[in-house]
Amino acid sequence: MQNILEVHQLKKYFATQKAVNDVSFTIEQGSIFGMLGPNGAGKTTLLRMITGIFFPDSGSIIFEGRKFDAINDIVRIGYMPEERGLYKKMKIGEQALYLARLKGLSKAEAMEKIRYWFQRMEMESWWNKKVQDLSKGMSQKLQFVTTVLHEPKLIILDEPFSGLDPVNANLIKDEIFRLAKNGSTIIFSTHRMEQVEEICNHIILINKGHKILDGSVKNVKQEFKENLFQVGFEKKAGTISSNTIFEVTGEKGQGLILKIHEGYKPHDVLQHLLAQGHEIISFNEILPSLNDIFIRLVEGTPMARVFQSINTSA
């Protein structure tokens, strides 16, 4: 599949801080791409270079097969920043129309698309409200609509679920899937690992300005798996001890967590347990979460401890 975006060795320094340090990655057209890392990792700086807000100190950005042109290509990008940029005293309908016209839509085209999106997002009655009268979640929905209504080829969403209740979070999540299915490419930036596991095809992990991981969610989990399996029994198992085939690492309900030793396969475990007369009702591999993988990669650093605290308190 064709790449819509290629980032080559981007660097951006602020005084002595290396906000982005030699980062490269590619994004396939039509994919949902997760850009992960704790606050301060360099994600937002990367996004601002991709959208032409910042110029890189070095490196290059290729958009749709050619060098990125901030002036001409920006209308093909929709960017929803973490810091919201809505005019608080302006009526919502007028603001949506104004922002749509800035993206090159005629008034008639803009009105048609605004009505369509307001209906999809259950915002029909909001037209004459002012942004200052909206809750954070309602403002988030408006920002999302103004980001996507001009049908950009590349949609960049920085913490899009911030402030949303579960119902509206699911509403926007469904729209993300629909937009990707219809051909849009989406960059989803967040520090919430559980959201990325559910939504994204491919991820990069950023820490202290460096890319420390790059791959599909499936392949990353396979790369960091530890041969852990959960075994469920018909009745609570009696004493099952560690042996040459596996180590018993914990219990869960009427089951056990086992770690298979190197050189052995899952069927060796099953044969051993069945030979002992155990009735097995489930046997599942335990893959690490993205949060576990991140902590393992940067274990012991202050940022890793902050990141772990954020993701376990949700």
Protein backbone atom coordinates (compact mmCIF):
# COMPACT_ATOMS: atom_id res chain seq x y z
CA MET A 1 0.00 0.00 0.00
CA GLN A 2 1.20 3.53 -0.81
CA ASN A 3 2.66 5.69 1.95
CA ILE A 4 0.84 8.98 2.50
CA LEU A 5 3.51 10.34 4.85
CA GLU A 6 7.25 9.72 5.25
CA VAL A 7 9.24 11.38 8.01
CA HIS A 8 13.02 11.19 7.69
CA GLN A 9 15.43 11.99 10.55
CA LEU A 10 13.48 14.93 11.93
CA LYS A 11 15.16 17.05 14.58
CA LYS A 12 13.81 20.01 16.53
CA TYR A 13 15.66 21.70 19.39
CA PHE A 14 14.46 24.45 21.72
CA ALA A 15 17.50 26.08 23.34
CA THR A 16 19.25 23.06 24.91
CA GLN A 17 16.17 20.79 24.86
CA LYS A 18 16.07 18.12 22.16
CA ALA A 19 12.30 17.99 21.69
CA VAL A 20 12.56 15.66 18.66
CA ASN A 21 15.84 13.89 18.02
CA ASP A 22 16.37 12.03 14.73
CA VAL A 23 12.89 10.51 14.36
CA SER A 24 11.86 8.61 11.21
CA PHE A 25 8.70 6.68 10.32
CA THR A 26 6.25 6.05 7.47
CA ILE A 27 2.44 5.94 7.45
CA GLU A 28 0.41 3.91 4.96
CA GLN A 29 -2.61 5.49 3.32
CA GLY A 30 -5.86 4.50 5.01
CA SER A 31 -4.24 3.36 8.26
CA ILE A 32 -4.88 4.46 11.85
CA PHE A 33 -1.44 5.31 13.19
CA GLY A 34 -0.80 5.66 16.92
CA MET A 35 1.82 8.10 18.18
CA LEU A 36 2.39 7.22 21.82
CA GLY A 37 4.39 8.54 24.70
CA PRO A 38 4.08 10.44 27.97
CA ASN A 39 3.43 14.18 28.12
CA GLY A 40 6.62 15.98 27.16
CA ALA A 41 7.93 13.12 25.01
CA GLY A 42 7.94 15.20 21.81
CA LYS A 43 4.68 14.04 20.20
CA THR A 44 3.11 17.49 19.83
CA THR A 45 6.33 18.95 18.41
CA LEU A 46 6.35 16.18 15.81
CA LEU A 47 2.74 16.90 14.88
CA ARG A 48 3.43 20.62 14.57
CA MET A 49 6.25 19.91 12.12
CA ILE A 50 4.03 17.59 10.09
CA THR A 51 1.41 20.37 9.84
CA GLY A 52 3.90 23.13 9.04
CA ILE A 53 3.44 25.03 12.31
CA PHE A 54 7.09 24.38 13.18
CA PHE A 55 9.93 23.95 10.70
CA PRO A 56 12.36 21.14 11.52
CA ASP A 57 15.96 22.01 12.29
CA SER A 58 16.91 19.12 10.01
CA GLY A 59 15.31 16.17 8.26
CA SER A 60 12.52 15.97 5.69
CA ILE A 61 8.78 15.32 5.40
CA ILE A 62 7.32 13.66 2.30
CA PHE A 63 3.55 14.02 1.87
CA GLU A 64 1.80 12.01 -0.86
CA GLY A 65 5.10 11.25 -2.59
CA ARG A 66 6.61 14.74 -2.65
CA LYS A 67 8.23 17.20 -0.29
CA PHE A 68 5.70 18.66 2.12
CA ASP A 69 4.57 22.16 1.18
CA ALA A 70 3.04 23.83 4.23
CA ILE A 71 1.23 26.48 2.19
CA ASN A 72 -0.44 24.25 -0.38
CA ASP A 73 -0.72 20.93 1.46
CA ILE A 74 -2.28 22.19 4.69
CA VAL A 75 -5.79 22.19 3.16
CA ARG A 76 -5.39 18.42 2.70
CA ILE A 77 -4.73 17.95 6.41
CA GLY A 78 -7.11 18.18 9.35
CA TYR A 79 -5.40 18.90 12.68
CA MET A 80 -7.15 18.73 16.04
CA PRO A 81 -4.59 19.98 18.58
CA GLU A 82 -4.64 19.09 22.25
CA GLU A 83 -4.91 22.81 23.06
CA ARG A 84 -8.26 23.77 21.59
CA GLY A 85 -8.43 26.77 19.26
CA LEU A 86 -12.08 27.80 19.20
CA TYR A 87 -13.38 31.37 19.45
CA LYS A 88 -15.30 31.42 22.73
CA LYS A 89 -17.68 34.30 21.98
CA MET A 90 -18.57 33.19 18.47
CA LYS A 91 -21.73 31.21 17.69
CA ILE A 92 -21.02 27.57 16.91
CA GLY A 93 -22.68 27.52 13.48
CA GLU A 94 -20.89 30.67 12.37
CA GLN A 95 -17.59 29.34 13.67
CA ALA A 96 -17.94 26.02 11.83
CA LEU A 97 -18.76 27.93 8.64
CA TYR A 98 -15.80 30.29 9.07
CA LEU A 99 -13.32 27.44 9.64
CA ALA A 100 -14.73 25.47 6.70
CA ARG A 101 -14.27 28.48 4.39
CA LEU A 102 -10.64 28.77 5.57
CA LYS A 103 -10.16 25.20 4.31
CA GLY A 104 -11.24 26.24 0.81
CA LEU A 105 -14.92 25.23 0.80
CA SER A 106 -17.52 27.46 -0.83
CA LYS A 107 -20.33 28.70 1.42
CA ALA A 108 -22.79 26.24 -0.13
CA GLU A 109 -20.37 23.30 0.25
CA ALA A 110 -19.56 24.30 3.81
CA MET A 111 -23.22 24.58 4.84
CA GLU A 112 -24.00 21.17 3.35
CA LYS A 113 -21.14 19.47 5.18
CA ILE A 114 -21.81 21.29 8.48
CA ARG A 115 -25.45 20.16 8.46
CA TYR A 116 -24.35 16.61 7.67
CA TRP A 117 -21.81 16.50 10.50
CA PHE A 118 -24.01 18.30 13.04
CA GLN A 119 -26.65 15.65 12.43
CA ARG A 120 -24.16 12.76 12.70
CA MET A 121 -22.75 14.13 15.96
CA GLU A 122 -26.17 15.04 17.43
CA MET A 123 -25.41 18.77 17.37
CA GLU A 124 -28.37 20.13 15.35
CA SER A 125 -29.63 22.31 18.21
CA TRP A 126 -26.23 23.89 18.86
CA TRP A 127 -26.15 26.36 15.95
CA ASN A 128 -26.75 29.54 17.96
CA LYS A 129 -24.89 28.50 21.11
CA LYS A 130 -21.56 30.10 21.92
CA VAL A 131 -18.42 28.07 22.61
CA GLN A 132 -18.09 29.66 26.04
CA ASP A 133 -21.42 28.04 26.98
CA LEU A 134 -20.28 24.52 26.04
CA SER A 135 -18.87 21.86 28.33
CA LYS A 136 -15.39 20.55 27.61
CA GLY A 137 -16.86 17.45 26.00
CA MET A 138 -19.22 19.46 23.78
CA SER A 139 -16.33 21.67 22.71
CA GLN A 140 -14.39 18.53 21.88
CA LYS A 141 -17.14 17.32 19.54
CA LEU A 142 -17.22 20.70 17.78
CA GLN A 143 -13.45 20.68 17.38
CA PHE A 144 -13.61 17.19 15.88
CA VAL A 145 -16.27 18.25 13.36
CA THR A 146 -14.30 21.33 12.25
CA THR A 147 -11.23 19.10 11.83
CA VAL A 148 -12.81 16.57 9.46
CA LEU A 149 -15.65 18.34 7.61
CA HIS A 150 -13.46 19.41 4.64
CA GLU A 151 -12.62 15.70 4.03
CA PRO A 152 -8.85 15.89 4.55
CA LYS A 153 -6.58 13.10 3.28
CA LEU A 154 -4.64 13.11 6.57
CA ILE A 155 -6.41 13.64 9.92
CA ILE A 156 -4.29 14.34 13.01
CA LEU A 157 -6.02 13.93 16.38
CA ASP A 158 -4.08 14.92 19.49
CA GLU A 159 -5.80 13.48 22.61
CA PRO A 160 -9.24 13.45 20.89
CA PHE A 161 -11.08 11.79 23.78
CA SER A 162 -10.04 14.28 26.45
CA GLY A 163 -13.10 15.43 28.43
CA LEU A 164 -15.56 13.13 26.65
CA ASP A 165 -18.03 10.92 28.47
CA PRO A 166 -18.10 7.23 27.39
CA VAL A 167 -21.09 7.70 25.04
CA ASN A 168 -19.50 10.56 23.09
CA ALA A 169 -16.08 8.89 23.18
CA ASN A 170 -17.63 5.87 21.45
CA LEU A 171 -19.36 8.17 18.97
CA ILE A 172 -16.05 9.74 17.91
CA LYS A 173 -14.29 6.36 17.94
CA ASP A 174 -16.89 5.00 15.51
CA GLU A 175 -16.34 8.02 13.26
CA ILE A 176 -12.57 7.40 13.30
CA PHE A 177 -13.12 3.83 12.09
CA ARG A 178 -15.58 5.01 9.42
CA LEU A 179 -13.25 7.73 8.13
CA ALA A 180 -10.36 5.26 7.86
CA LYS A 181 -12.59 2.74 6.07
CA ASN A 182 -13.49 5.46 3.56
CA GLY A 183 -9.83 6.19 2.79
CA SER A 184 -8.70 8.85 5.25
CA THR A 185 -5.42 8.32 7.09
CA ILE A 186 -5.46 9.10 10.80
CA ILE A 187 -2.66 9.91 13.21
CA PHE A 188 -3.88 9.37 16.74
CA SER A 189 -1.62 10.88 19.42
CA THR A 190 -2.14 10.01 23.07
CA HIS A 191 -0.57 8.76 26.29
CA ARG A 192 -3.54 6.41 26.89
CA MET A 193 -2.30 2.98 25.82
CA GLU A 194 -5.64 1.19 26.16
CA GLN A 195 -7.22 3.48 23.55
CA VAL A 196 -4.43 2.78 21.07
CA GLU A 197 -4.67 -1.01 21.46
CA GLU A 198 -8.34 -0.78 20.52
CA ILE A 199 -8.07 1.67 17.63
CA CYS A 200 -4.68 1.65 15.90
CA ASN A 201 -3.10 -0.60 13.26
CA HIS A 202 0.45 0.66 13.67
CA ILE A 203 2.27 2.53 16.45
CA ILE A 204 5.44 4.36 17.33
CA LEU A 205 6.55 4.99 20.89
CA ILE A 206 8.30 8.28 21.65
CA ASN A 207 10.26 8.98 24.82
CA LYS A 208 12.43 12.05 25.48
CA GLY A 209 12.36 12.98 21.80
CA HIS A 210 13.52 9.56 20.58
CA LYS A 211 11.58 6.87 18.75
CA ILE A 212 12.01 3.71 20.82
CA LEU A 213 9.53 1.41 19.11
CA ASP A 214 7.91 1.17 15.66
CA GLY A 215 5.61 -1.55 14.30
CA SER A 216 2.12 -2.96 13.97
CA VAL A 217 0.28 -3.47 17.25
CA LYS A 218 0.08 -7.21 16.55
CA ASN A 219 3.79 -7.58 15.77
CA VAL A 220 4.89 -5.45 18.73
CA LYS A 221 2.90 -7.61 21.13
CA GLN A 222 4.32 -10.77 19.57
CA GLU A 223 7.86 -9.41 19.82
CA PHE A 224 7.56 -8.76 23.55
CA LYS A 225 5.54 -11.80 24.60
CA GLU A 226 6.99 -13.90 27.42
CA ASN A 227 5.53 -17.37 26.76
CA LEU A 228 2.83 -16.81 29.40
CA PHE A 229 -0.42 -18.79 29.22
CA GLN A 230 -3.60 -18.85 31.28
CA VAL A 231 -5.06 -22.31 31.85
CA GLY A 232 -8.65 -22.77 33.06
CA PHE A 233 -9.79 -25.97 34.76
CA GLU A 234 -13.24 -27.58 35.14
CA LYS A 235 -12.59 -27.80 38.87
CA LYS A 236 -10.02 -25.95 40.90
CA ALA A 237 -6.77 -27.70 40.17
CA GLY A 238 -4.92 -29.47 42.91
CA THR A 239 -1.25 -28.97 43.46
CA ILE A 240 0.49 -28.27 40.16
CA SER A 241 4.16 -27.56 40.59
CA SER A 242 6.73 -25.94 38.38
CA ASN A 243 8.74 -28.47 36.36
CA THR A 244 11.05 -28.77 33.38
CA ILE A 245 8.22 -27.78 30.98
CA PHE A 246 6.72 -24.75 32.71
CA GLU A 247 6.80 -22.51 35.76
CA VAL A 248 3.66 -21.68 37.72
CA THR A 249 3.69 -17.89 38.11
CA GLY A 250 0.23 -17.20 39.60
CA GLU A 251 -3.41 -18.12 40.01
CA LYS A 252 -6.54 -16.66 38.43
CA GLY A 253 -9.95 -17.96 39.52
CA GLN A 254 -9.91 -21.71 39.02
CA GLY A 255 -6.95 -21.38 36.69
CA LEU A 256 -3.22 -20.88 36.68
CA ILE A 257 -0.75 -18.60 34.93
CA LEU A 258 2.10 -20.62 33.46
CA LYS A 259 5.37 -19.60 31.82
CA ILE A 260 6.61 -22.14 29.31
CA HIS A 261 10.34 -22.81 29.42
CA GLU A 262 12.47 -22.31 26.33
CA GLY A 263 12.46 -25.33 24.04
CA TYR A 264 8.90 -26.37 24.87
CA LYS A 265 5.61 -25.65 23.10
CA PRO A 266 2.02 -25.11 24.31
CA HIS A 267 1.04 -28.66 23.30
CA ASP A 268 3.75 -30.00 25.66
CA VAL A 269 1.99 -28.23 28.53
CA LEU A 270 -1.42 -29.57 27.50
CA GLN A 271 -0.12 -33.13 27.20
CA HIS A 272 1.51 -32.91 30.63
CA LEU A 273 -1.64 -31.59 32.33
CA LEU A 274 -3.99 -34.02 30.59
CA ALA A 275 -1.71 -36.93 31.49
CA GLN A 276 -2.14 -35.93 35.13
CA GLY A 277 -5.94 -36.16 34.76
CA HIS A 278 -6.75 -32.42 34.79
CA GLU A 279 -9.90 -31.31 32.92
CA ILE A 280 -8.94 -28.22 30.93
CA ILE A 281 -11.68 -25.82 29.73
CA SER A 282 -9.50 -23.00 28.37
CA PHE A 283 -5.92 -22.39 27.31
CA ASN A 284 -4.99 -18.86 26.19
CA GLU A 285 -1.76 -17.04 25.51
CA ILE A 286 -1.24 -13.86 27.54
CA LEU A 287 0.20 -11.06 25.42
CA PRO A 288 1.68 -7.96 27.08
CA SER A 289 -0.22 -4.67 26.98
CA LEU A 290 1.36 -1.70 25.23
CA ASN A 291 1.64 -0.04 28.63
CA ASP A 292 3.63 -3.03 29.96
CA ILE A 293 5.91 -2.91 26.91
CA PHE A 294 6.58 0.81 27.31
CA ILE A 295 7.41 0.47 31.00
CA ARG A 296 9.74 -2.43 30.22
CA LEU A 297 11.59 -0.40 27.58
CA VAL A 298 12.21 2.62 29.80
CA GLU A 299 12.06 0.90 33.20
CA GLY A 300 13.71 2.81 36.01
CA THR A 301 13.56 6.25 34.42
CA PRO A 302 11.51 9.00 36.11
CA MET A 303 9.36 9.32 32.96
CA ALA A 304 8.53 5.61 33.04
CA ARG A 305 7.26 5.91 36.61
CA VAL A 306 5.11 8.92 35.71
CA PHE A 307 3.76 7.13 32.65
CA GLN A 308 2.95 4.00 34.66
CA SER A 309 1.09 6.10 37.24
CA ILE A 310 -0.99 7.84 34.56
CA ASN A 311 -2.04 4.61 32.84
CA THR A 312 -2.84 2.63 36.00
CA SER A 313 -4.97 5.40 37.52
CA ALA A 314 -7.44 5.55 34.62
